[in-house]
Amino acid sequence: MTRTRAREKPATRDSSSYFFTEVEMYQVVRARLRALVCGMRAARRDAGMVTSEYAMGIVAAVAFAVVLYKVVTSGAVSAELQSVVTEALNARM
């Protein structure tokens, strides 16, 4: 396990001062976790949709799927897709 240098070496301390002490590391980790949890709580307050928004999203997705299905199954698009697949299967390697 390698340690990284956390701060500059003070002139009055020995060589062990290159690294965080256990107490300092605990405080740093605790502060970062607290910031992470508080940030997640703040993001969660307004992050979700209510039931009516879910319903509208589902209706919009279904409508888009129907339009996409009609476009893909139309004569021109279907013929073009068949020609692309036929050319790919008959390609020489």
PDB file of N, CA and C in Angstrom:
ATOM      1  N   MET A   1       0.850  -1.169   0.000  1.00  0.00           N
ATOM      2  CA  MET A   1       0.000   0.000   0.000  1.00  0.00           C
ATOM      3  C   MET A   1       0.899   1.237   0.000  1.00  0.00           C
ATOM      4  N   THR A   2       0.689   2.122  -0.908  1.00  0.00           N
ATOM      5  CA  THR A   2       1.511   3.320  -0.978  1.00  0.00           C
ATOM      6  C   THR A   2       0.770   4.482  -0.353  1.00  0.00           C
ATOM      7  N   ARG A   3       1.534   5.323   0.275  1.00  0.00           N
ATOM      8  CA  ARG A   3       0.952   6.525   0.871  1.00  0.00           C
ATOM      9  C   ARG A   3       1.328   7.719   0.022  1.00  0.00           C
ATOM     10  N   THR A   4       0.444   8.650  -0.045  1.00  0.00           N
ATOM     11  CA  THR A   4       0.738   9.870  -0.782  1.00  0.00           C
ATOM     12  C   THR A   4       1.076  10.971   0.203  1.00  0.00           C
ATOM     13  N   ARG A   5       1.820  11.898  -0.245  1.00  0.00           N
ATOM     14  CA  ARG A   5       2.223  13.001   0.602  1.00  0.00           C
ATOM     15  C   ARG A   5       1.052  13.945   0.780  1.00  0.00           C
ATOM     16  N   ALA A   6       0.634  14.148   2.008  1.00  0.00           N
ATOM     17  CA  ALA A   6      -0.564  14.934   2.272  1.00  0.00           C
ATOM     18  C   ALA A   6      -0.268  16.422   2.382  1.00  0.00           C
ATOM     19  N   ARG A   7       0.884  16.770   2.888  1.00  0.00           N
ATOM     20  CA  ARG A   7       1.223  18.188   3.036  1.00  0.00           C
ATOM     21  C   ARG A   7       2.729  18.340   3.114  1.00  0.00           C
ATOM     22  N   GLU A   8       3.177  19.554   3.046  1.00  0.00           N
ATOM     23  CA  GLU A   8       4.605  19.817   3.111  1.00  0.00           C
ATOM     24  C   GLU A   8       5.139  19.495   4.496  1.00  0.00           C
ATOM     25  N   LYS A   9       6.382  19.083   4.555  1.00  0.00           N
ATOM     26  CA  LYS A   9       7.004  18.717   5.819  1.00  0.00           C
ATOM     27  C   LYS A   9       7.327  19.975   6.611  1.00  0.00           C
ATOM     28  N   PRO A  10       6.795  20.091   7.845  1.00  0.00           N
ATOM     29  CA  PRO A  10       7.164  21.231   8.676  1.00  0.00           C
ATOM     30  C   PRO A  10       8.611  21.109   9.139  1.00  0.00           C
ATOM     31  N   ALA A  11       9.211  22.200   9.410  1.00  0.00           N
ATOM     32  CA  ALA A  11      10.628  22.203   9.777  1.00  0.00           C
ATOM     33  C   ALA A  11      10.863  21.611  11.162  1.00  0.00           C
ATOM     34  N   THR A  12       9.873  21.668  12.060  1.00  0.00           N
ATOM     35  CA  THR A  12      10.102  21.257  13.437  1.00  0.00           C
ATOM     36  C   THR A  12       9.672  19.831  13.737  1.00  0.00           C
ATOM     37  N   ARG A  13       9.067  19.110  12.797  1.00  0.00           N
ATOM     38  CA  ARG A  13       8.570  17.764  13.073  1.00  0.00           C
ATOM     39  C   ARG A  13       9.453  16.715  12.410  1.00  0.00           C
ATOM     40  N   ASP A  14       9.325  15.480  12.838  1.00  0.00           N
ATOM     41  CA  ASP A  14      10.132  14.404  12.269  1.00  0.00           C
ATOM     42  C   ASP A  14       9.535  13.920  10.955  1.00  0.00           C
ATOM     43  N   SER A  15      10.114  12.882  10.368  1.00  0.00           N
ATOM     44  CA  SER A  15       9.699  12.428   9.038  1.00  0.00           C
ATOM     45  C   SER A  15       8.309  11.823   9.014  1.00  0.00           C
ATOM     46  N   SER A  16       7.745  11.448  10.168  1.00  0.00           N
ATOM     47  CA  SER A  16       6.400  10.878  10.177  1.00  0.00           C
ATOM     48  C   SER A  16       5.334  11.929   9.924  1.00  0.00           C
ATOM     49  N   SER A  17       5.683  13.192   9.922  1.00  0.00           N
ATOM     50  CA  SER A  17       4.703  14.256   9.728  1.00  0.00           C
ATOM     51  C   SER A  17       4.335  14.457   8.265  1.00  0.00           C
ATOM     52  N   TYR A  18       4.898  13.672   7.354  1.00  0.00           N
ATOM     53  CA  TYR A  18       4.517  13.761   5.951  1.00  0.00           C
ATOM     54  C   TYR A  18       3.079  13.317   5.730  1.00  0.00           C
ATOM     55  N   PHE A  19       2.548  12.498   6.633  1.00  0.00           N
ATOM     56  CA  PHE A  19       1.259  11.887   6.440  1.00  0.00           C
ATOM     57  C   PHE A  19       0.279  12.362   7.498  1.00  0.00           C
ATOM     58  N   PHE A  20      -1.004  12.194   7.185  1.00  0.00           N
ATOM     59  CA  PHE A  20      -2.028  12.513   8.169  1.00  0.00           C
ATOM     60  C   PHE A  20      -1.908  11.577   9.361  1.00  0.00           C
ATOM     61  N   THR A  21      -2.199  12.086  10.535  1.00  0.00           N
ATOM     62  CA  THR A  21      -2.311  11.204  11.691  1.00  0.00           C
ATOM     63  C   THR A  21      -3.670  10.525  11.625  1.00  0.00           C
ATOM     64  N   GLU A  22      -3.893   9.556  12.477  1.00  0.00           N
ATOM     65  CA  GLU A  22      -5.165   8.844  12.470  1.00  0.00           C
ATOM     66  C   GLU A  22      -6.325   9.783  12.774  1.00  0.00           C
ATOM     67  N   VAL A  23      -6.117  10.697  13.706  1.00  0.00           N
ATOM     68  CA  VAL A  23      -7.182  11.639  14.071  1.00  0.00           C
ATOM     69  C   VAL A  23      -7.474  12.581  12.905  1.00  0.00           C
ATOM     70  N   GLU A  24      -6.428  13.078  12.261  1.00  0.00           N
ATOM     71  CA  GLU A  24      -6.629  13.976  11.130  1.00  0.00           C
ATOM     72  C   GLU A  24      -7.336  13.258   9.977  1.00  0.00           C
ATOM     73  N   MET A  25      -6.937  12.020   9.717  1.00  0.00           N
ATOM     74  CA  MET A  25      -7.578  11.256   8.643  1.00  0.00           C
ATOM     75  C   MET A  25      -9.047  11.004   8.968  1.00  0.00           C
ATOM     76  N   TYR A  26      -9.331  10.685  10.226  1.00  0.00           N
ATOM     77  CA  TYR A  26     -10.719  10.473  10.650  1.00  0.00           C
ATOM     78  C   TYR A  26     -11.536  11.740  10.413  1.00  0.00           C
ATOM     79  N   GLN A  27     -10.974  12.898  10.767  1.00  0.00           N
ATOM     80  CA  GLN A  27     -11.690  14.159  10.608  1.00  0.00           C
ATOM     81  C   GLN A  27     -11.920  14.478   9.131  1.00  0.00           C
ATOM     82  N   VAL A  28     -10.930  14.196   8.298  1.00  0.00           N
ATOM     83  CA  VAL A  28     -11.069  14.460   6.865  1.00  0.00           C
ATOM     84  C   VAL A  28     -12.139  13.564   6.260  1.00  0.00           C
ATOM     85  N   VAL A  29     -12.091  12.276   6.583  1.00  0.00           N
ATOM     86  CA  VAL A  29     -13.071  11.334   6.046  1.00  0.00           C
ATOM     87  C   VAL A  29     -14.468  11.683   6.523  1.00  0.00           C
ATOM     88  N   ARG A  30     -14.585  12.024   7.794  1.00  0.00           N
ATOM     89  CA  ARG A  30     -15.895  12.376   8.343  1.00  0.00           C
ATOM     90  C   ARG A  30     -16.462  13.628   7.673  1.00  0.00           C
ATOM     91  N   ALA A  31     -15.606  14.627   7.453  1.00  0.00           N
ATOM     92  CA  ALA A  31     -16.068  15.855   6.803  1.00  0.00           C
ATOM     93  C   ALA A  31     -16.515  15.584   5.366  1.00  0.00           C
ATOM     94  N   ARG A  32     -15.763  14.749   4.650  1.00  0.00           N
ATOM     95  CA  ARG A  32     -16.146  14.432   3.262  1.00  0.00           C
ATOM     96  C   ARG A  32     -17.435  13.642   3.204  1.00  0.00           C
ATOM     97  N   LEU A  33     -17.600  12.686   4.122  1.00  0.00           N
ATOM     98  CA  LEU A  33     -18.844  11.919   4.160  1.00  0.00           C
ATOM     99  C   LEU A  33     -20.030  12.811   4.498  1.00  0.00           C
ATOM    100  N   ARG A  34     -19.841  13.726   5.435  1.00  0.00           N
ATOM    101  CA  ARG A  34     -20.918  14.644   5.804  1.00  0.00           C
ATOM    102  C   ARG A  34     -21.313  15.504   4.612  1.00  0.00           C
ATOM    103  N   ALA A  35     -20.317  16.002   3.885  1.00  0.00           N
ATOM    104  CA  ALA A  35     -20.611  16.821   2.706  1.00  0.00           C
ATOM    105  C   ALA A  35     -21.336  16.006   1.643  1.00  0.00           C
ATOM    106  N   LEU A  36     -20.924  14.757   1.478  1.00  0.00           N
ATOM    107  CA  LEU A  36     -21.569  13.893   0.494  1.00  0.00           C
ATOM    108  C   LEU A  36     -23.018  13.608   0.865  1.00  0.00           C
ATOM    109  N   VAL A  37     -23.268  13.280   2.131  1.00  0.00           N
ATOM    110  CA  VAL A  37     -24.628  12.979   2.581  1.00  0.00           C
ATOM    111  C   VAL A  37     -25.517  14.214   2.490  1.00  0.00           C
ATOM    112  N   CYS A  38     -24.999  15.357   2.899  1.00  0.00           N
ATOM    113  CA  CYS A  38     -25.799  16.593   2.823  1.00  0.00           C
ATOM    114  C   CYS A  38     -26.100  16.952   1.371  1.00  0.00           C
ATOM    115  N   GLY A  39     -25.142  16.725   0.481  1.00  0.00           N
ATOM    116  CA  GLY A  39     -25.362  16.995  -0.933  1.00  0.00           C
ATOM    117  C   GLY A  39     -26.411  16.071  -1.523  1.00  0.00           C
ATOM    118  N   MET A  40     -26.392  14.804  -1.098  1.00  0.00           N
ATOM    119  CA  MET A  40     -27.382  13.856  -1.596  1.00  0.00           C
ATOM    120  C   MET A  40     -28.768  14.218  -1.087  1.00  0.00           C
ATOM    121  N   ARG A  41     -28.859  14.647   0.151  1.00  0.00           N
ATOM    122  CA  ARG A  41     -30.163  15.038   0.694  1.00  0.00           C
ATOM    123  C   ARG A  41     -30.718  16.240  -0.053  1.00  0.00           C
ATOM    124  N   ALA A  42     -29.849  17.201  -0.344  1.00  0.00           N
ATOM    125  CA  ALA A  42     -30.295  18.393  -1.062  1.00  0.00           C
ATOM    126  C   ALA A  42     -30.749  18.032  -2.470  1.00  0.00           C
ATOM    127  N   ALA A  43     -30.057  17.116  -3.123  1.00  0.00           N
ATOM    128  CA  ALA A  43     -30.434  16.723  -4.480  1.00  0.00           C
ATOM    129  C   ALA A  43     -31.718  15.906  -4.484  1.00  0.00           C
ATOM    130  N   ARG A  44     -31.956  15.154  -3.420  1.00  0.00           N
ATOM    131  CA  ARG A  44     -33.126  14.289  -3.354  1.00  0.00           C
ATOM    132  C   ARG A  44     -34.420  15.067  -3.139  1.00  0.00           C
ATOM    133  N   ARG A  45     -34.343  16.252  -2.616  1.00  0.00           N
ATOM    134  CA  ARG A  45     -35.557  17.019  -2.308  1.00  0.00           C
ATOM    135  C   ARG A  45     -36.425  17.261  -3.536  1.00  0.00           C
ATOM    136  N   ASP A  46     -35.798  17.532  -4.662  1.00  0.00           N
ATOM    137  CA  ASP A  46     -36.546  17.892  -5.861  1.00  0.00           C
ATOM    138  C   ASP A  46     -36.193  17.011  -7.046  1.00  0.00           C
ATOM    139  N   ALA A  47     -35.624  15.842  -6.778  1.00  0.00           N
ATOM    140  CA  ALA A  47     -35.103  15.029  -7.864  1.00  0.00           C
ATOM    141  C   ALA A  47     -36.160  14.162  -8.530  1.00  0.00           C
ATOM    142  N   GLY A  48     -37.213  13.771  -7.833  1.00  0.00           N
ATOM    143  CA  GLY A  48     -38.162  12.814  -8.388  1.00  0.00           C
ATOM    144  C   GLY A  48     -39.369  13.452  -9.032  1.00  0.00           C
ATOM    145  N   MET A  49     -40.139  12.612  -9.705  1.00  0.00           N
ATOM    146  CA  MET A  49     -41.384  13.071 -10.315  1.00  0.00           C
ATOM    147  C   MET A  49     -42.546  12.568  -9.475  1.00  0.00           C
ATOM    148  N   VAL A  50     -43.612  13.304  -9.489  1.00  0.00           N
ATOM    149  CA  VAL A  50     -44.826  12.854  -8.823  1.00  0.00           C
ATOM    150  C   VAL A  50     -45.581  11.936  -9.770  1.00  0.00           C
ATOM    151  N   THR A  51     -46.624  11.299  -9.274  1.00  0.00           N
ATOM    152  CA  THR A  51     -47.351  10.291 -10.049  1.00  0.00           C
ATOM    153  C   THR A  51     -47.906  10.844 -11.354  1.00  0.00           C
ATOM    154  N   SER A  52     -48.430  12.058 -11.330  1.00  0.00           N
ATOM    155  CA  SER A  52     -48.986  12.625 -12.565  1.00  0.00           C
ATOM    156  C   SER A  52     -47.886  12.862 -13.602  1.00  0.00           C
ATOM    157  N   GLU A  53     -46.687  13.232 -13.154  1.00  0.00           N
ATOM    158  CA  GLU A  53     -45.588  13.420 -14.094  1.00  0.00           C
ATOM    159  C   GLU A  53     -45.154  12.080 -14.688  1.00  0.00           C
ATOM    160  N   TYR A  54     -45.153  11.017 -13.866  1.00  0.00           N
ATOM    161  CA  TYR A  54     -44.862   9.693 -14.391  1.00  0.00           C
ATOM    162  C   TYR A  54     -45.890   9.302 -15.455  1.00  0.00           C
ATOM    163  N   ALA A  55     -47.149   9.551 -15.186  1.00  0.00           N
ATOM    164  CA  ALA A  55     -48.208   9.200 -16.134  1.00  0.00           C
ATOM    165  C   ALA A  55     -48.028   9.946 -17.449  1.00  0.00           C
ATOM    166  N   MET A  56     -47.731  11.227 -17.378  1.00  0.00           N
ATOM    167  CA  MET A  56     -47.527  12.011 -18.602  1.00  0.00           C
ATOM    168  C   MET A  56     -46.280  11.535 -19.342  1.00  0.00           C
ATOM    169  N   GLY A  57     -45.257  11.169 -18.622  1.00  0.00           N
ATOM    170  CA  GLY A  57     -44.044  10.645 -19.250  1.00  0.00           C
ATOM    171  C   GLY A  57     -44.306   9.339 -19.968  1.00  0.00           C
ATOM    172  N   ILE A  58     -45.100   8.463 -19.355  1.00  0.00           N
ATOM    173  CA  ILE A  58     -45.431   7.188 -19.985  1.00  0.00           C
ATOM    174  C   ILE A  58     -46.273   7.406 -21.234  1.00  0.00           C
ATOM    175  N   VAL A  59     -47.258   8.308 -21.161  1.00  0.00           N
ATOM    176  CA  VAL A  59     -48.092   8.604 -22.333  1.00  0.00           C
ATOM    177  C   VAL A  59     -47.234   9.159 -23.471  1.00  0.00           C
ATOM    178  N   ALA A  60     -46.310  10.042 -23.157  1.00  0.00           N
ATOM    179  CA  ALA A  60     -45.432  10.606 -24.189  1.00  0.00           C
ATOM    180  C   ALA A  60     -44.533   9.528 -24.787  1.00  0.00           C
ATOM    181  N   ALA A  61     -44.001   8.629 -23.957  1.00  0.00           N
ATOM    182  CA  ALA A  61     -43.144   7.556 -24.461  1.00  0.00           C
ATOM    183  C   ALA A  61     -43.916   6.602 -25.367  1.00  0.00           C
ATOM    184  N   VAL A  62     -45.133   6.285 -24.992  1.00  0.00           N
ATOM    185  CA  VAL A  62     -45.959   5.396 -25.821  1.00  0.00           C
ATOM    186  C   VAL A  62     -46.298   6.068 -27.140  1.00  0.00           C
ATOM    187  N   ALA A  63     -46.638   7.339 -27.104  1.00  0.00           N
ATOM    188  CA  ALA A  63     -46.946   8.062 -28.345  1.00  0.00           C
ATOM    189  C   ALA A  63     -45.731   8.092 -29.265  1.00  0.00           C
ATOM    190  N   PHE A  64     -44.560   8.339 -28.697  1.00  0.00           N
ATOM    191  CA  PHE A  64     -43.338   8.347 -29.507  1.00  0.00           C
ATOM    192  C   PHE A  64     -43.077   6.965 -30.097  1.00  0.00           C
ATOM    193  N   ALA A  65     -43.311   5.901 -29.312  1.00  0.00           N
ATOM    194  CA  ALA A  65     -43.105   4.536 -29.793  1.00  0.00           C
ATOM    195  C   ALA A  65     -44.057   4.218 -30.946  1.00  0.00           C
ATOM    196  N   VAL A  66     -45.296   4.669 -30.853  1.00  0.00           N
ATOM    197  CA  VAL A  66     -46.274   4.424 -31.919  1.00  0.00           C
ATOM    198  C   VAL A  66     -45.851   5.132 -33.200  1.00  0.00           C
ATOM    199  N   VAL A  67     -45.442   6.382 -33.083  1.00  0.00           N
ATOM    200  CA  VAL A  67     -44.996   7.134 -34.264  1.00  0.00           C
ATOM    201  C   VAL A  67     -43.771   6.463 -34.872  1.00  0.00           C
ATOM    202  N   LEU A  68     -42.821   6.058 -34.048  1.00  0.00           N
ATOM    203  CA  LEU A  68     -41.616   5.397 -34.543  1.00  0.00           C
ATOM    204  C   LEU A  68     -41.956   4.070 -35.224  1.00  0.00           C
ATOM    205  N   TYR A  69     -42.883   3.325 -34.657  1.00  0.00           N
ATOM    206  CA  TYR A  69     -43.307   2.058 -35.260  1.00  0.00           C
ATOM    207  C   TYR A  69     -43.938   2.294 -36.630  1.00  0.00           C
ATOM    208  N   LYS A  70     -44.787   3.304 -36.723  1.00  0.00           N
ATOM    209  CA  LYS A  70     -45.435   3.606 -38.013  1.00  0.00           C
ATOM    210  C   LYS A  70     -44.400   4.015 -39.061  1.00  0.00           C
ATOM    211  N   VAL A  71     -43.413   4.790 -38.660  1.00  0.00           N
ATOM    212  CA  VAL A  71     -42.384   5.225 -39.610  1.00  0.00           C
ATOM    213  C   VAL A  71     -41.557   4.038 -40.076  1.00  0.00           C
ATOM    214  N   VAL A  72     -41.138   3.180 -39.137  1.00  0.00           N
ATOM    215  CA  VAL A  72     -40.277   2.055 -39.499  1.00  0.00           C
ATOM    216  C   VAL A  72     -41.010   1.031 -40.345  1.00  0.00           C
ATOM    217  N   THR A  73     -42.301   0.841 -40.110  1.00  0.00           N
ATOM    218  CA  THR A  73     -43.048  -0.158 -40.877  1.00  0.00           C
ATOM    219  C   THR A  73     -43.657   0.406 -42.151  1.00  0.00           C
ATOM    220  N   SER A  74     -43.415   1.662 -42.465  1.00  0.00           N
ATOM    221  CA  SER A  74     -43.937   2.218 -43.715  1.00  0.00           C
ATOM    222  C   SER A  74     -43.212   1.573 -44.899  1.00  0.00           C
ATOM    223  N   GLY A  75     -43.800   1.677 -46.058  1.00  0.00           N
ATOM    224  CA  GLY A  75     -43.269   1.007 -47.242  1.00  0.00           C
ATOM    225  C   GLY A  75     -41.863   1.442 -47.618  1.00  0.00           C
ATOM    226  N   ALA A  76     -41.622   2.733 -47.648  1.00  0.00           N
ATOM    227  CA  ALA A  76     -40.327   3.243 -48.084  1.00  0.00           C
ATOM    228  C   ALA A  76     -39.213   2.862 -47.107  1.00  0.00           C
ATOM    229  N   VAL A  77     -39.473   3.026 -45.835  1.00  0.00           N
ATOM    230  CA  VAL A  77     -38.447   2.720 -44.829  1.00  0.00           C
ATOM    231  C   VAL A  77     -38.215   1.218 -44.773  1.00  0.00           C
ATOM    232  N   SER A  78     -39.269   0.441 -44.872  1.00  0.00           N
ATOM    233  CA  SER A  78     -39.142  -1.016 -44.844  1.00  0.00           C
ATOM    234  C   SER A  78     -38.316  -1.511 -46.031  1.00  0.00           C
ATOM    235  N   ALA A  79     -38.572  -0.982 -47.209  1.00  0.00           N
ATOM    236  CA  ALA A  79     -37.810  -1.368 -48.398  1.00  0.00           C
ATOM    237  C   ALA A  79     -36.339  -0.983 -48.248  1.00  0.00           C
ATOM    238  N   GLU A  80     -36.090   0.196 -47.724  1.00  0.00           N
ATOM    239  CA  GLU A  80     -34.706   0.652 -47.538  1.00  0.00           C
ATOM    240  C   GLU A  80     -33.967  -0.219 -46.522  1.00  0.00           C
ATOM    241  N   LEU A  81     -34.641  -0.574 -45.436  1.00  0.00           N
ATOM    242  CA  LEU A  81     -34.023  -1.443 -44.438  1.00  0.00           C
ATOM    243  C   LEU A  81     -33.733  -2.823 -45.026  1.00  0.00           C
ATOM    244  N   GLN A  82     -34.646  -3.346 -45.821  1.00  0.00           N
ATOM    245  CA  GLN A  82     -34.416  -4.637 -46.458  1.00  0.00           C
ATOM    246  C   GLN A  82     -33.231  -4.588 -47.410  1.00  0.00           C
ATOM    247  N   SER A  83     -33.099  -3.502 -48.153  1.00  0.00           N
ATOM    248  CA  SER A  83     -31.962  -3.390 -49.079  1.00  0.00           C
ATOM    249  C   SER A  83     -30.636  -3.290 -48.315  1.00  0.00           C
ATOM    250  N   VAL A  84     -30.634  -2.589 -47.204  1.00  0.00           N
ATOM    251  CA  VAL A  84     -29.412  -2.481 -46.393  1.00  0.00           C
ATOM    252  C   VAL A  84     -29.019  -3.847 -45.848  1.00  0.00           C
ATOM    253  N   VAL A  85     -29.990  -4.595 -45.341  1.00  0.00           N
ATOM    254  CA  VAL A  85     -29.706  -5.922 -44.787  1.00  0.00           C
ATOM    255  C   VAL A  85     -29.253  -6.863 -45.891  1.00  0.00           C
ATOM    256  N   THR A  86     -29.897  -6.807 -47.052  1.00  0.00           N
ATOM    257  CA  THR A  86     -29.523  -7.677 -48.174  1.00  0.00           C
ATOM    258  C   THR A  86     -28.096  -7.373 -48.630  1.00  0.00           C
ATOM    259  N   GLU A  87     -27.749  -6.108 -48.750  1.00  0.00           N
ATOM    260  CA  GLU A  87     -26.385  -5.734 -49.143  1.00  0.00           C
ATOM    261  C   GLU A  87     -25.366  -6.203 -48.100  1.00  0.00           C
ATOM    262  N   ALA A  88     -25.725  -6.110 -46.835  1.00  0.00           N
ATOM    263  CA  ALA A  88     -24.793  -6.536 -45.781  1.00  0.00           C
ATOM    264  C   ALA A  88     -24.591  -8.043 -45.810  1.00  0.00           C
ATOM    265  N   LEU A  89     -25.637  -8.791 -46.093  1.00  0.00           N
ATOM    266  CA  LEU A  89     -25.507 -10.246 -46.124  1.00  0.00           C
ATOM    267  C   LEU A  89     -24.788 -10.742 -47.374  1.00  0.00           C
ATOM    268  N   ASN A  90     -24.893 -10.003 -48.467  1.00  0.00           N
ATOM    269  CA  ASN A  90     -24.233 -10.404 -49.724  1.00  0.00           C
ATOM    270  C   ASN A  90     -22.852  -9.801 -49.892  1.00  0.00           C
ATOM    271  N   ALA A  91     -22.375  -9.075 -48.912  1.00  0.00           N
ATOM    272  CA  ALA A  91     -21.047  -8.425 -49.023  1.00  0.00           C
ATOM    273  C   ALA A  91     -19.948  -9.479 -49.036  1.00  0.00           C
ATOM    274  N   ARG A  92     -18.925  -9.223 -49.865  1.00  0.00           N
ATOM    275  CA  ARG A  92     -17.780 -10.133 -49.934  1.00  0.00           C
ATOM    276  C   ARG A  92     -16.756  -9.699 -48.910  1.00  0.00           C
ATOM    277  N   MET A  93     -16.117 -10.716 -48.348  1.00  0.00           N
ATOM    278  CA  MET A  93     -15.081 -10.428 -47.348  1.00  0.00           C
ATOM    279  C   MET A  93     -13.760 -10.932 -47.822  1.00  0.00           C
TER     280      MET A  93
END
